[in-house]
PDB file of N, CA and C in Angstrom:
ATOM      1  N   MET A   1       2.676   3.690 -32.951  1.00  0.00           N
ATOM      2  CA  MET A   1       3.290   2.328 -32.720  1.00  0.00           C
ATOM      3  C   MET A   1       2.235   1.708 -31.591  1.00  0.00           C
ATOM      4  N   ALA A   2       2.238   0.579 -31.625  1.00  0.00           N
ATOM      5  CA  ALA A   2       1.207  -0.299 -30.714  1.00  0.00           C
ATOM      6  C   ALA A   2       2.231  -0.800 -29.530  1.00  0.00           C
ATOM      7  N   GLU A   3       1.550  -0.484 -28.270  1.00  0.00           N
ATOM      8  CA  GLU A   3       2.305  -0.950 -27.159  1.00  0.00           C
ATOM      9  C   GLU A   3       2.449  -2.675 -27.194  1.00  0.00           C
ATOM     10  N   SER A   4       3.964  -2.999 -26.778  1.00  0.00           N
ATOM     11  CA  SER A   4       4.400  -4.601 -27.039  1.00  0.00           C
ATOM     12  C   SER A   4       3.639  -5.158 -25.778  1.00  0.00           C
ATOM     13  N   VAL A   5       3.616  -6.319 -26.109  1.00  0.00           N
ATOM     14  CA  VAL A   5       2.895  -7.468 -25.229  1.00  0.00           C
ATOM     15  C   VAL A   5       3.888  -7.396 -23.862  1.00  0.00           C
ATOM     16  N   HIS A   6       4.837  -7.271 -24.338  1.00  0.00           N
ATOM     17  CA  HIS A   6       5.973  -7.432 -23.166  1.00  0.00           C
ATOM     18  C   HIS A   6       6.213  -6.079 -22.486  1.00  0.00           C
ATOM     19  N   SER A   7       5.417  -5.097 -22.590  1.00  0.00           N
ATOM     20  CA  SER A   7       5.539  -3.600 -22.057  1.00  0.00           C
ATOM     21  C   SER A   7       5.734  -3.845 -20.390  1.00  0.00           C
ATOM     22  N   ALA A   8       6.431  -2.909 -19.885  1.00  0.00           N
ATOM     23  CA  ALA A   8       6.605  -2.963 -18.471  1.00  0.00           C
ATOM     24  C   ALA A   8       6.000  -1.448 -17.873  1.00  0.00           C
ATOM     25  N   ALA A   9       5.244  -0.834 -19.145  1.00  0.00           N
ATOM     26  CA  ALA A   9       4.810   0.460 -18.457  1.00  0.00           C
ATOM     27  C   ALA A   9       3.987   0.509 -17.495  1.00  0.00           C
ATOM     28  N   ALA A  10       2.811  -0.398 -17.377  1.00  0.00           N
ATOM     29  CA  ALA A  10       1.959  -0.407 -16.269  1.00  0.00           C
ATOM     30  C   ALA A  10       2.823  -0.831 -14.974  1.00  0.00           C
ATOM     31  N   SER A  11       3.815  -1.543 -14.880  1.00  0.00           N
ATOM     32  CA  SER A  11       4.500  -1.863 -13.566  1.00  0.00           C
ATOM     33  C   SER A  11       5.135  -0.744 -13.080  1.00  0.00           C
ATOM     34  N   ALA A  12       5.961   0.096 -14.377  1.00  0.00           N
ATOM     35  CA  ALA A  12       6.956   1.407 -13.993  1.00  0.00           C
ATOM     36  C   ALA A  12       5.669   2.338 -13.284  1.00  0.00           C
ATOM     37  N   LEU A  13       4.397   2.566 -14.054  1.00  0.00           N
ATOM     38  CA  LEU A  13       3.774   3.463 -13.488  1.00  0.00           C
ATOM     39  C   LEU A  13       3.159   3.264 -11.955  1.00  0.00           C
ATOM     40  N   GLY A  14       3.082   1.934 -11.728  1.00  0.00           N
ATOM     41  CA  GLY A  14       2.964   1.505 -10.223  1.00  0.00           C
ATOM     42  C   GLY A  14       3.820   1.784  -9.560  1.00  0.00           C
ATOM     43  N   TYR A  15       5.183   1.614  -9.839  1.00  0.00           N
ATOM     44  CA  TYR A  15       6.340   1.979  -8.843  1.00  0.00           C
ATOM     45  C   TYR A  15       6.320   3.277  -8.843  1.00  0.00           C
ATOM     46  N   GLN A  16       6.052   4.366 -10.069  1.00  0.00           N
ATOM     47  CA  GLN A  16       6.258   5.778  -9.671  1.00  0.00           C
ATOM     48  C   GLN A  16       5.111   6.137  -8.826  1.00  0.00           C
ATOM     49  N   HIS A  17       3.902   5.315  -8.642  1.00  0.00           N
ATOM     50  CA  HIS A  17       2.903   5.943  -7.952  1.00  0.00           C
ATOM     51  C   HIS A  17       3.126   5.826  -6.382  1.00  0.00           C
ATOM     52  N   GLN A  18       4.211   4.704  -6.307  1.00  0.00           N
ATOM     53  CA  GLN A  18       4.272   4.338  -4.893  1.00  0.00           C
ATOM     54  C   GLN A  18       5.412   5.386  -4.413  1.00  0.00           C
ATOM     55  N   THR A  19       6.256   5.824  -5.353  1.00  0.00           N
ATOM     56  CA  THR A  19       7.433   6.918  -4.836  1.00  0.00           C
ATOM     57  C   THR A  19       6.451   8.293  -4.490  1.00  0.00           C
ATOM     58  N   TRP A  20       5.448   8.597  -5.182  1.00  0.00           N
ATOM     59  CA  TRP A  20       4.353   9.793  -5.067  1.00  0.00           C
ATOM     60  C   TRP A  20       3.792   9.470  -4.071  1.00  0.00           C
ATOM     61  N   TRP A  21       3.399   8.348  -3.541  1.00  0.00           N
ATOM     62  CA  TRP A  21       2.832   8.293  -2.259  1.00  0.00           C
ATOM     63  C   TRP A  21       3.790   8.459  -1.078  1.00  0.00           C
ATOM     64  N   ALA A  22       4.894   7.894  -1.286  1.00  0.00           N
ATOM     65  CA  ALA A  22       5.823   8.266  -0.227  1.00  0.00           C
ATOM     66  C   ALA A  22       5.957   9.364   0.070  1.00  0.00           C
ATOM     67  N   LEU A  23       6.346  10.234  -1.024  1.00  0.00           N
ATOM     68  CA  LEU A  23       6.492  11.816  -0.695  1.00  0.00           C
ATOM     69  C   LEU A  23       5.315  12.232  -0.005  1.00  0.00           C
ATOM     70  N   LEU A  24       4.318  11.946  -0.382  1.00  0.00           N
ATOM     71  CA  LEU A  24       2.892  12.607  -0.010  1.00  0.00           C
ATOM     72  C   LEU A  24       3.002  12.017   1.664  1.00  0.00           C
ATOM     73  N   GLU A  25       3.124  11.004   1.955  1.00  0.00           N
ATOM     74  CA  GLU A  25       3.577  10.496   3.222  1.00  0.00           C
ATOM     75  C   GLU A  25       4.291  11.329   4.131  1.00  0.00           C
ATOM     76  N   LEU A  26       5.690  11.602   3.579  1.00  0.00           N
ATOM     77  CA  LEU A  26       6.445  12.647   4.073  1.00  0.00           C
ATOM     78  C   LEU A  26       6.145  13.818   4.398  1.00  0.00           C
ATOM     79  N   LEU A  27       5.313  14.458   3.492  1.00  0.00           N
ATOM     80  CA  LEU A  27       4.782  15.825   3.268  1.00  0.00           C
ATOM     81  C   LEU A  27       3.602  15.811   4.589  1.00  0.00           C
ATOM     82  N   ARG A  28       2.778  14.698   4.500  1.00  0.00           N
ATOM     83  CA  ARG A  28       1.825  15.119   5.501  1.00  0.00           C
ATOM     84  C   ARG A  28       2.094  14.539   6.932  1.00  0.00           C
ATOM     85  N   ALA A  29       3.580  14.065   7.288  1.00  0.00           N
ATOM     86  CA  ALA A  29       4.012  13.787   8.652  1.00  0.00           C
ATOM     87  C   ALA A  29       3.911  14.922   9.495  1.00  0.00           C
ATOM     88  N   ASP A  30       3.553  14.562  10.686  1.00  0.00           N
ATOM     89  CA  ASP A  30       3.395  15.470  11.665  1.00  0.00           C
ATOM     90  C   ASP A  30       4.925  15.439  12.302  1.00  0.00           C
ATOM     91  N   HIS A  31       5.097  16.326  13.018  1.00  0.00           N
ATOM     92  CA  HIS A  31       6.468  16.382  13.964  1.00  0.00           C
ATOM     93  C   HIS A  31       6.629  15.227  15.090  1.00  0.00           C
ATOM     94  N   GLY A  32       5.327  14.629  15.175  1.00  0.00           N
ATOM     95  CA  GLY A  32       5.450  13.632  16.094  1.00  0.00           C
ATOM     96  C   GLY A  32       6.215  12.271  15.878  1.00  0.00           C
ATOM     97  N   ARG A  33       6.859  12.451  14.647  1.00  0.00           N
ATOM     98  CA  ARG A  33       7.882  11.138  14.114  1.00  0.00           C
ATOM     99  C   ARG A  33       9.038  11.758  13.925  1.00  0.00           C
ATOM    100  N   PRO A  34       9.711  12.552  14.910  1.00  0.00           N
ATOM    101  CA  PRO A  34      11.196  13.011  14.284  1.00  0.00           C
ATOM    102  C   PRO A  34      12.094  11.954  13.849  1.00  0.00           C
ATOM    103  N   ASP A  35      12.127  10.800  14.638  1.00  0.00           N
ATOM    104  CA  ASP A  35      12.937   9.719  14.541  1.00  0.00           C
ATOM    105  C   ASP A  35      12.603   8.772  13.764  1.00  0.00           C
ATOM    106  N   ALA A  36      11.472   8.879  12.928  1.00  0.00           N
ATOM    107  CA  ALA A  36      11.101   7.710  11.899  1.00  0.00           C
ATOM    108  C   ALA A  36      11.359   7.887  10.725  1.00  0.00           C
ATOM    109  N   ALA A  37      11.651   6.935   9.915  1.00  0.00           N
ATOM    110  CA  ALA A  37      11.953   6.835   8.594  1.00  0.00           C
ATOM    111  C   ALA A  37      10.853   5.857   7.664  1.00  0.00           C
ATOM    112  N   ILE A  38      11.170   6.505   6.567  1.00  0.00           N
ATOM    113  CA  ILE A  38      10.174   5.915   5.456  1.00  0.00           C
ATOM    114  C   ILE A  38      10.900   4.876   4.415  1.00  0.00           C
ATOM    115  N   CYS A  39      10.526   3.758   4.355  1.00  0.00           N
ATOM    116  CA  CYS A  39      11.214   2.941   3.488  1.00  0.00           C
ATOM    117  C   CYS A  39      10.558   2.482   2.203  1.00  0.00           C
ATOM    118  N   LEU A  40      10.783   2.314   0.938  1.00  0.00           N
ATOM    119  CA  LEU A  40      10.078   1.514  -0.046  1.00  0.00           C
ATOM    120  C   LEU A  40      10.625   0.290  -0.234  1.00  0.00           C
ATOM    121  N   GLU A  41       9.878  -0.615  -0.453  1.00  0.00           N
ATOM    122  CA  GLU A  41      10.079  -1.841  -0.929  1.00  0.00           C
ATOM    123  C   GLU A  41      11.024  -2.641   0.154  1.00  0.00           C
ATOM    124  N   LEU A  42      10.814  -2.381   1.491  1.00  0.00           N
ATOM    125  CA  LEU A  42      11.640  -3.091   2.281  1.00  0.00           C
ATOM    126  C   LEU A  42      10.727  -3.845   3.223  1.00  0.00           C
ATOM    127  N   HIS A  43      10.180  -3.406   4.060  1.00  0.00           N
ATOM    128  CA  HIS A  43       9.138  -4.212   4.785  1.00  0.00           C
ATOM    129  C   HIS A  43       7.842  -4.380   4.052  1.00  0.00           C
ATOM    130  N   ASP A  44       7.283  -3.484   3.052  1.00  0.00           N
ATOM    131  CA  ASP A  44       6.155  -3.553   1.979  1.00  0.00           C
ATOM    132  C   ASP A  44       6.272  -2.557   1.245  1.00  0.00           C
ATOM    133  N   ASP A  45       5.393  -2.077   0.568  1.00  0.00           N
ATOM    134  CA  ASP A  45       5.553  -1.247  -0.529  1.00  0.00           C
ATOM    135  C   ASP A  45       6.031  -0.028  -0.120  1.00  0.00           C
ATOM    136  N   ILE A  46       5.260   0.561   1.220  1.00  0.00           N
ATOM    137  CA  ILE A  46       6.004   1.772   1.770  1.00  0.00           C
ATOM    138  C   ILE A  46       5.846   1.457   3.370  1.00  0.00           C
ATOM    139  N   ALA A  47       6.859   1.999   4.087  1.00  0.00           N
ATOM    140  CA  ALA A  47       6.626   1.494   5.516  1.00  0.00           C
ATOM    141  C   ALA A  47       7.376   2.369   6.301  1.00  0.00           C
ATOM    142  N   TRP A  48       6.567   2.932   7.464  1.00  0.00           N
ATOM    143  CA  TRP A  48       7.291   3.821   8.247  1.00  0.00           C
ATOM    144  C   TRP A  48       7.983   3.129   9.195  1.00  0.00           C
ATOM    145  N   GLU A  49       9.215   3.387   9.487  1.00  0.00           N
ATOM    146  CA  GLU A  49      10.115   2.525  10.492  1.00  0.00           C
ATOM    147  C   GLU A  49      10.490   3.340  11.491  1.00  0.00           C
ATOM    148  N   GLN A  50      10.650   2.775  12.694  1.00  0.00           N
ATOM    149  CA  GLN A  50      11.429   3.461  13.868  1.00  0.00           C
ATOM    150  C   GLN A  50      12.167   2.520  14.613  1.00  0.00           C
ATOM    151  N   ALA A  51      13.515   2.886  14.882  1.00  0.00           N
ATOM    152  CA  ALA A  51      14.485   1.869  15.500  1.00  0.00           C
ATOM    153  C   ALA A  51      14.690   0.790  14.850  1.00  0.00           C
ATOM    154  N   GLY A  52      14.484   0.696  13.333  1.00  0.00           N
ATOM    155  CA  GLY A  52      14.557  -0.660  12.642  1.00  0.00           C
ATOM    156  C   GLY A  52      13.236  -1.486  12.566  1.00  0.00           C
ATOM    157  N   SER A  53      12.338  -1.020  13.454  1.00  0.00           N
ATOM    158  CA  SER A  53      11.058  -1.751  13.246  1.00  0.00           C
ATOM    159  C   SER A  53       9.969  -1.085  12.613  1.00  0.00           C
ATOM    160  N   ALA A  54       9.261  -1.724  11.731  1.00  0.00           N
ATOM    161  CA  ALA A  54       8.082  -1.104  10.882  1.00  0.00           C
ATOM    162  C   ALA A  54       7.177  -0.853  12.063  1.00  0.00           C
ATOM    163  N   THR A  55       6.513   0.533  11.862  1.00  0.00           N
ATOM    164  CA  THR A  55       5.457   0.783  12.912  1.00  0.00           C
ATOM    165  C   THR A  55       3.971   1.037  12.035  1.00  0.00           C
ATOM    166  N   GLU A  56       4.177   0.985  10.638  1.00  0.00           N
ATOM    167  CA  GLU A  56       2.995   1.062   9.713  1.00  0.00           C
ATOM    168  C   GLU A  56       3.638   0.542   8.221  1.00  0.00           C
ATOM    169  N   LEU A  57       2.679  -0.231   7.811  1.00  0.00           N
ATOM    170  CA  LEU A  57       2.898  -0.892   6.472  1.00  0.00           C
ATOM    171  C   LEU A  57       1.849  -0.494   5.416  1.00  0.00           C
ATOM    172  N   LEU A  58       1.997  -0.023   4.367  1.00  0.00           N
ATOM    173  CA  LEU A  58       1.300   0.223   3.337  1.00  0.00           C
ATOM    174  C   LEU A  58       1.480  -0.353   2.401  1.00  0.00           C
ATOM    175  N   GLN A  59       0.267  -0.866   1.506  1.00  0.00           N
ATOM    176  CA  GLN A  59       0.121  -1.588   0.290  1.00  0.00           C
ATOM    177  C   GLN A  59      -0.233  -0.680  -0.537  1.00  0.00           C
ATOM    178  N   ILE A  60       0.233  -0.320  -1.595  1.00  0.00           N
ATOM    179  CA  ILE A  60      -0.178   0.714  -2.635  1.00  0.00           C
ATOM    180  C   ILE A  60      -0.498   0.039  -3.923  1.00  0.00           C
ATOM    181  N   LYS A  61      -1.892   0.305  -4.241  1.00  0.00           N
ATOM    182  CA  LYS A  61      -2.427  -0.221  -5.526  1.00  0.00           C
ATOM    183  C   LYS A  61      -2.803   0.755  -6.609  1.00  0.00           C
ATOM    184  N   HIS A  62      -2.184   0.680  -7.667  1.00  0.00           N
ATOM    185  CA  HIS A  62      -2.494   1.563  -8.664  1.00  0.00           C
ATOM    186  C   HIS A  62      -3.139   0.763  -9.925  1.00  0.00           C
ATOM    187  N   HIS A  63      -4.229   1.407 -10.434  1.00  0.00           N
ATOM    188  CA  HIS A  63      -5.112   0.846 -11.334  1.00  0.00           C
ATOM    189  C   HIS A  63      -5.506   1.998 -12.400  1.00  0.00           C
ATOM    190  N   GLN A  64      -5.388   1.726 -13.771  1.00  0.00           N
ATOM    191  CA  GLN A  64      -5.529   3.045 -14.627  1.00  0.00           C
ATOM    192  C   GLN A  64      -6.666   3.267 -14.867  1.00  0.00           C
ATOM    193  N   LYS A  65      -7.555   2.123 -14.892  1.00  0.00           N
ATOM    194  CA  LYS A  65      -9.117   2.113 -15.253  1.00  0.00           C
ATOM    195  C   LYS A  65      -9.718   2.676 -14.121  1.00  0.00           C
ATOM    196  N   SER A  66     -10.348   3.692 -14.144  1.00  0.00           N
ATOM    197  CA  SER A  66     -10.951   4.571 -12.980  1.00  0.00           C
ATOM    198  C   SER A  66     -12.418   3.746 -12.744  1.00  0.00           C
ATOM    199  N   ASP A  67     -13.182   3.052 -13.649  1.00  0.00           N
ATOM    200  CA  ASP A  67     -14.244   2.496 -13.429  1.00  0.00           C
ATOM    201  C   ASP A  67     -14.264   1.537 -12.569  1.00  0.00           C
ATOM    202  N   ARG A  68     -13.210   0.806 -12.196  1.00  0.00           N
ATOM    203  CA  ARG A  68     -13.047  -0.349 -11.213  1.00  0.00           C
ATOM    204  C   ARG A  68     -13.500  -0.111  -9.852  1.00  0.00           C
ATOM    205  N   GLN A  69     -13.937  -1.073  -9.151  1.00  0.00           N
ATOM    206  CA  GLN A  69     -14.372  -0.786  -7.811  1.00  0.00           C
ATOM    207  C   GLN A  69     -13.578  -2.089  -6.767  1.00  0.00           C
ATOM    208  N   LEU A  70     -12.924  -1.643  -5.511  1.00  0.00           N
ATOM    209  CA  LEU A  70     -12.711  -2.367  -4.535  1.00  0.00           C
ATOM    210  C   LEU A  70     -13.752  -2.957  -3.877  1.00  0.00           C
ATOM    211  N   THR A  71     -13.789  -4.456  -4.205  1.00  0.00           N
ATOM    212  CA  THR A  71     -14.834  -5.288  -3.366  1.00  0.00           C
ATOM    213  C   THR A  71     -14.524  -6.177  -2.488  1.00  0.00           C
ATOM    214  N   ASP A  72     -15.218  -6.989  -1.885  1.00  0.00           N
ATOM    215  CA  ASP A  72     -14.666  -8.054  -1.148  1.00  0.00           C
ATOM    216  C   ASP A  72     -14.134  -9.329  -1.827  1.00  0.00           C
ATOM    217  N   ALA A  73     -14.289  -9.422  -2.934  1.00  0.00           N
ATOM    218  CA  ALA A  73     -13.716 -10.421  -3.956  1.00  0.00           C
ATOM    219  C   ALA A  73     -12.379  -9.854  -4.620  1.00  0.00           C
ATOM    220  N   SER A  74     -12.079  -8.793  -4.482  1.00  0.00           N
ATOM    221  CA  SER A  74     -11.044  -8.237  -5.345  1.00  0.00           C
ATOM    222  C   SER A  74      -9.548  -8.792  -5.121  1.00  0.00           C
ATOM    223  N   ALA A  75      -9.057  -8.966  -6.115  1.00  0.00           N
ATOM    224  CA  ALA A  75      -7.759  -9.852  -6.059  1.00  0.00           C
ATOM    225  C   ALA A  75      -6.732  -8.694  -4.840  1.00  0.00           C
ATOM    226  N   ASP A  76      -6.768  -7.411  -5.208  1.00  0.00           N
ATOM    227  CA  ASP A  76      -6.124  -6.490  -4.423  1.00  0.00           C
ATOM    228  C   ASP A  76      -6.128  -6.633  -2.843  1.00  0.00           C
ATOM    229  N   VAL A  77      -7.266  -7.038  -2.521  1.00  0.00           N
ATOM    230  CA  VAL A  77      -7.675  -7.241  -1.223  1.00  0.00           C
ATOM    231  C   VAL A  77      -7.073  -8.639  -0.469  1.00  0.00           C
ATOM    232  N   TRP A  78      -7.271  -9.477  -1.267  1.00  0.00           N
ATOM    233  CA  TRP A  78      -6.605 -10.861  -0.802  1.00  0.00           C
ATOM    234  C   TRP A  78      -5.234 -10.809  -0.876  1.00  0.00           C
ATOM    235  N   LEU A  79      -4.520 -10.097  -2.087  1.00  0.00           N
ATOM    236  CA  LEU A  79      -3.247 -10.401  -2.117  1.00  0.00           C
ATOM    237  C   LEU A  79      -2.390  -9.649  -0.805  1.00  0.00           C
ATOM    238  N   THR A  80      -3.306  -8.493  -0.386  1.00  0.00           N
ATOM    239  CA  THR A  80      -2.403  -7.692   0.508  1.00  0.00           C
ATOM    240  C   THR A  80      -2.773  -8.350   1.828  1.00  0.00           C
ATOM    241  N   LEU A  81      -3.754  -8.948   2.011  1.00  0.00           N
ATOM    242  CA  LEU A  81      -4.046  -9.905   3.164  1.00  0.00           C
ATOM    243  C   LEU A  81      -3.118 -10.494   3.370  1.00  0.00           C
ATOM    244  N   LYS A  82      -2.716 -11.595   2.316  1.00  0.00           N
ATOM    245  CA  LYS A  82      -1.706 -12.845   2.223  1.00  0.00           C
ATOM    246  C   LYS A  82      -0.352 -12.031   2.367  1.00  0.00           C
ATOM    247  N   ASN A  83       0.044 -10.860   1.729  1.00  0.00           N
ATOM    248  CA  ASN A  83       1.126 -10.450   2.155  1.00  0.00           C
ATOM    249  C   ASN A  83       1.362 -10.279   3.636  1.00  0.00           C
ATOM    250  N   TRP A  84       0.234  -9.339   4.209  1.00  0.00           N
ATOM    251  CA  TRP A  84       0.552  -8.948   5.816  1.00  0.00           C
ATOM    252  C   TRP A  84       0.597 -10.285   6.492  1.00  0.00           C
ATOM    253  N   MET A  85      -0.171 -11.365   6.175  1.00  0.00           N
ATOM    254  CA  MET A  85      -0.100 -12.524   7.141  1.00  0.00           C
ATOM    255  C   MET A  85       1.343 -13.456   6.803  1.00  0.00           C
ATOM    256  N   ASP A  86       1.892 -13.406   5.721  1.00  0.00           N
ATOM    257  CA  ASP A  86       2.826 -13.918   5.410  1.00  0.00           C
ATOM    258  C   ASP A  86       4.345 -13.218   6.314  1.00  0.00           C
ATOM    259  N   THR A  87       4.093 -11.902   6.505  1.00  0.00           N
ATOM    260  CA  THR A  87       5.077 -11.088   7.052  1.00  0.00           C
ATOM    261  C   THR A  87       4.767 -10.731   8.667  1.00  0.00           C
ATOM    262  N   ALA A  88       3.616 -11.162   9.099  1.00  0.00           N
ATOM    263  CA  ALA A  88       3.421 -10.987  10.664  1.00  0.00           C
ATOM    264  C   ALA A  88       4.458 -11.277  11.431  1.00  0.00           C
ATOM    265  N   GLY A  89       4.644 -10.652  12.553  1.00  0.00           N
ATOM    266  CA  GLY A  89       5.596 -11.260  13.606  1.00  0.00           C
ATOM    267  C   GLY A  89       4.483 -11.716  14.825  1.00  0.00           C
ATOM    268  N   PRO A  90       4.563 -13.026  14.771  1.00  0.00           N
ATOM    269  CA  PRO A  90       3.531 -13.479  15.724  1.00  0.00           C
ATOM    270  C   PRO A  90       3.680 -13.047  17.102  1.00  0.00           C
ATOM    271  N   CYS A  91       4.972 -12.858  17.466  1.00  0.00           N
ATOM    272  CA  CYS A  91       5.318 -12.350  18.791  1.00  0.00           C
ATOM    273  C   CYS A  91       4.984 -10.714  19.228  1.00  0.00           C
ATOM    274  N   ASP A  92       4.954 -10.237  18.271  1.00  0.00           N
ATOM    275  CA  ASP A  92       4.442  -8.566  18.287  1.00  0.00           C
ATOM    276  C   ASP A  92       3.188  -8.465  18.496  1.00  0.00           C
ATOM    277  N   VAL A  93       2.605  -8.310  19.744  1.00  0.00           N
ATOM    278  CA  VAL A  93       1.071  -8.134  20.048  1.00  0.00           C
ATOM    279  C   VAL A  93       0.464  -6.924  19.168  1.00  0.00           C
ATOM    280  N   GLU A  94       1.361  -5.975  19.591  1.00  0.00           N
ATOM    281  CA  GLU A  94       1.131  -4.585  18.885  1.00  0.00           C
ATOM    282  C   GLU A  94       1.135  -4.790  17.532  1.00  0.00           C
ATOM    283  N   GLY A  95       2.008  -4.771  16.701  1.00  0.00           N
ATOM    284  CA  GLY A  95       2.602  -5.039  15.323  1.00  0.00           C
ATOM    285  C   GLY A  95       2.296  -3.667  14.708  1.00  0.00           C
ATOM    286  N   PRO A  96       2.685  -3.462  13.612  1.00  0.00           N
ATOM    287  CA  PRO A  96       2.531  -2.371  12.787  1.00  0.00           C
ATOM    288  C   PRO A  96       0.977  -1.838  12.389  1.00  0.00           C
ATOM    289  N   ALA A  97       0.863  -0.922  12.201  1.00  0.00           N
ATOM    290  CA  ALA A  97      -0.568  -0.478  11.395  1.00  0.00           C
ATOM    291  C   ALA A  97      -0.421  -0.989  10.202  1.00  0.00           C
ATOM    292  N   LEU A  98      -1.742  -1.503   9.639  1.00  0.00           N
ATOM    293  CA  LEU A  98      -1.863  -1.943   8.472  1.00  0.00           C
ATOM    294  C   LEU A  98      -2.775  -1.030   7.298  1.00  0.00           C
ATOM    295  N   VAL A  99      -2.088  -0.550   6.301  1.00  0.00           N
ATOM    296  CA  VAL A  99      -3.078   0.411   5.622  1.00  0.00           C
ATOM    297  C   VAL A  99      -3.076  -0.206   3.921  1.00  0.00           C
ATOM    298  N   LEU A 100      -3.963  -0.459   3.541  1.00  0.00           N
ATOM    299  CA  LEU A 100      -4.322  -0.570   1.935  1.00  0.00           C
ATOM    300  C   LEU A 100      -4.527   0.667   1.385  1.00  0.00           C
ATOM    301  N   VAL A 101      -3.732   1.243   0.203  1.00  0.00           N
ATOM    302  CA  VAL A 101      -4.007   2.275  -0.527  1.00  0.00           C
ATOM    303  C   VAL A 101      -4.218   2.034  -1.810  1.00  0.00           C
ATOM    304  N   SER A 102      -5.531   2.431  -2.411  1.00  0.00           N
ATOM    305  CA  SER A 102      -5.941   1.822  -3.721  1.00  0.00           C
ATOM    306  C   SER A 102      -6.383   2.935  -4.762  1.00  0.00           C
ATOM    307  N   THR A 103      -6.240   3.073  -5.850  1.00  0.00           N
ATOM    308  CA  THR A 103      -6.811   4.355  -6.890  1.00  0.00           C
ATOM    309  C   THR A 103      -8.344   3.860  -7.204  1.00  0.00           C
ATOM    310  N   GLN A 104      -8.717   2.515  -6.696  1.00  0.00           N
ATOM    311  CA  GLN A 104     -10.134   1.928  -7.073  1.00  0.00           C
ATOM    312  C   GLN A 104     -10.975   2.572  -5.649  1.00  0.00           C
ATOM    313  N   GLN A 105     -12.180   2.982  -6.229  1.00  0.00           N
ATOM    314  CA  GLN A 105     -13.284   3.153  -5.183  1.00  0.00           C
ATOM    315  C   GLN A 105     -13.886   1.935  -4.422  1.00  0.00           C
ATOM    316  N   ALA A 106     -14.025   2.137  -3.049  1.00  0.00           N
ATOM    317  CA  ALA A 106     -14.576   1.062  -2.332  1.00  0.00           C
ATOM    318  C   ALA A 106     -16.336   0.801  -2.792  1.00  0.00           C
ATOM    319  N   SER A 107     -16.371  -0.322  -3.193  1.00  0.00           N
ATOM    320  CA  SER A 107     -17.701  -0.790  -3.479  1.00  0.00           C
ATOM    321  C   SER A 107     -18.915  -0.719  -2.334  1.00  0.00           C
ATOM    322  N   PRO A 108     -19.845   0.021  -2.556  1.00  0.00           N
ATOM    323  CA  PRO A 108     -20.842   0.496  -1.731  1.00  0.00           C
ATOM    324  C   PRO A 108     -21.284  -1.078  -1.068  1.00  0.00           C
ATOM    325  N   GLY A 109     -21.408  -1.214   0.341  1.00  0.00           N
ATOM    326  CA  GLY A 109     -21.706  -2.388   0.907  1.00  0.00           C
ATOM    327  C   GLY A 109     -20.583  -3.511   1.215  1.00  0.00           C
ATOM    328  N   SER A 110     -19.543  -3.249   0.800  1.00  0.00           N
ATOM    329  CA  SER A 110     -18.429  -4.159   0.837  1.00  0.00           C
ATOM    330  C   SER A 110     -17.749  -3.821   2.156  1.00  0.00           C
ATOM    331  N   SER A 111     -17.078  -4.726   2.831  1.00  0.00           N
ATOM    332  CA  SER A 111     -16.323  -4.514   3.918  1.00  0.00           C
ATOM    333  C   SER A 111     -15.295  -3.594   3.818  1.00  0.00           C
ATOM    334  N   CYS A 112     -14.851  -3.005   2.476  1.00  0.00           N
ATOM    335  CA  CYS A 112     -13.817  -2.181   2.069  1.00  0.00           C
ATOM    336  C   CYS A 112     -14.421  -0.728   2.591  1.00  0.00           C
ATOM    337  N   THR A 113     -15.710  -0.704   2.475  1.00  0.00           N
ATOM    338  CA  THR A 113     -16.028   0.880   2.910  1.00  0.00           C
ATOM    339  C   THR A 113     -16.195   0.949   4.320  1.00  0.00           C
ATOM    340  N   ARG A 114     -15.783   0.131   5.245  1.00  0.00           N
ATOM    341  CA  ARG A 114     -15.663   0.319   6.698  1.00  0.00           C
ATOM    342  C   ARG A 114     -14.302   0.745   6.881  1.00  0.00           C
ATOM    343  N   TRP A 115     -13.304   0.685   5.831  1.00  0.00           N
ATOM    344  CA  TRP A 115     -12.102   0.931   6.255  1.00  0.00           C
ATOM    345  C   TRP A 115     -11.574   2.347   5.831  1.00  0.00           C
ATOM    346  N   SER A 116     -12.421   2.835   5.022  1.00  0.00           N
ATOM    347  CA  SER A 116     -12.163   4.231   4.542  1.00  0.00           C
ATOM    348  C   SER A 116     -12.607   5.086   5.575  1.00  0.00           C
TER     349      SER A 116
END
């Protein structure tokens, strides 16, 4: 049977990827975060939180096509930056750490390679 035009399979897989990444974050967490909590879809796709404030925001991007690359012109980069600018606390000089996690490879020579 052909996949419906209205299928939510790709979105569902993306949300599942977020839960897997959150589990990985919990497993990799060191004992230096005993009072921290991890949240899904509250402050960002995934966020580490301490005392009710986000300390790290993670944007999780999942793509099924493995041949795509993350470039300076990628929609994922610009949408992520927009999300972070829209939710930034201008009074918080320190602010949370910002992390973009993607299944795409960073394109050689792009600014994305400097982040990895």
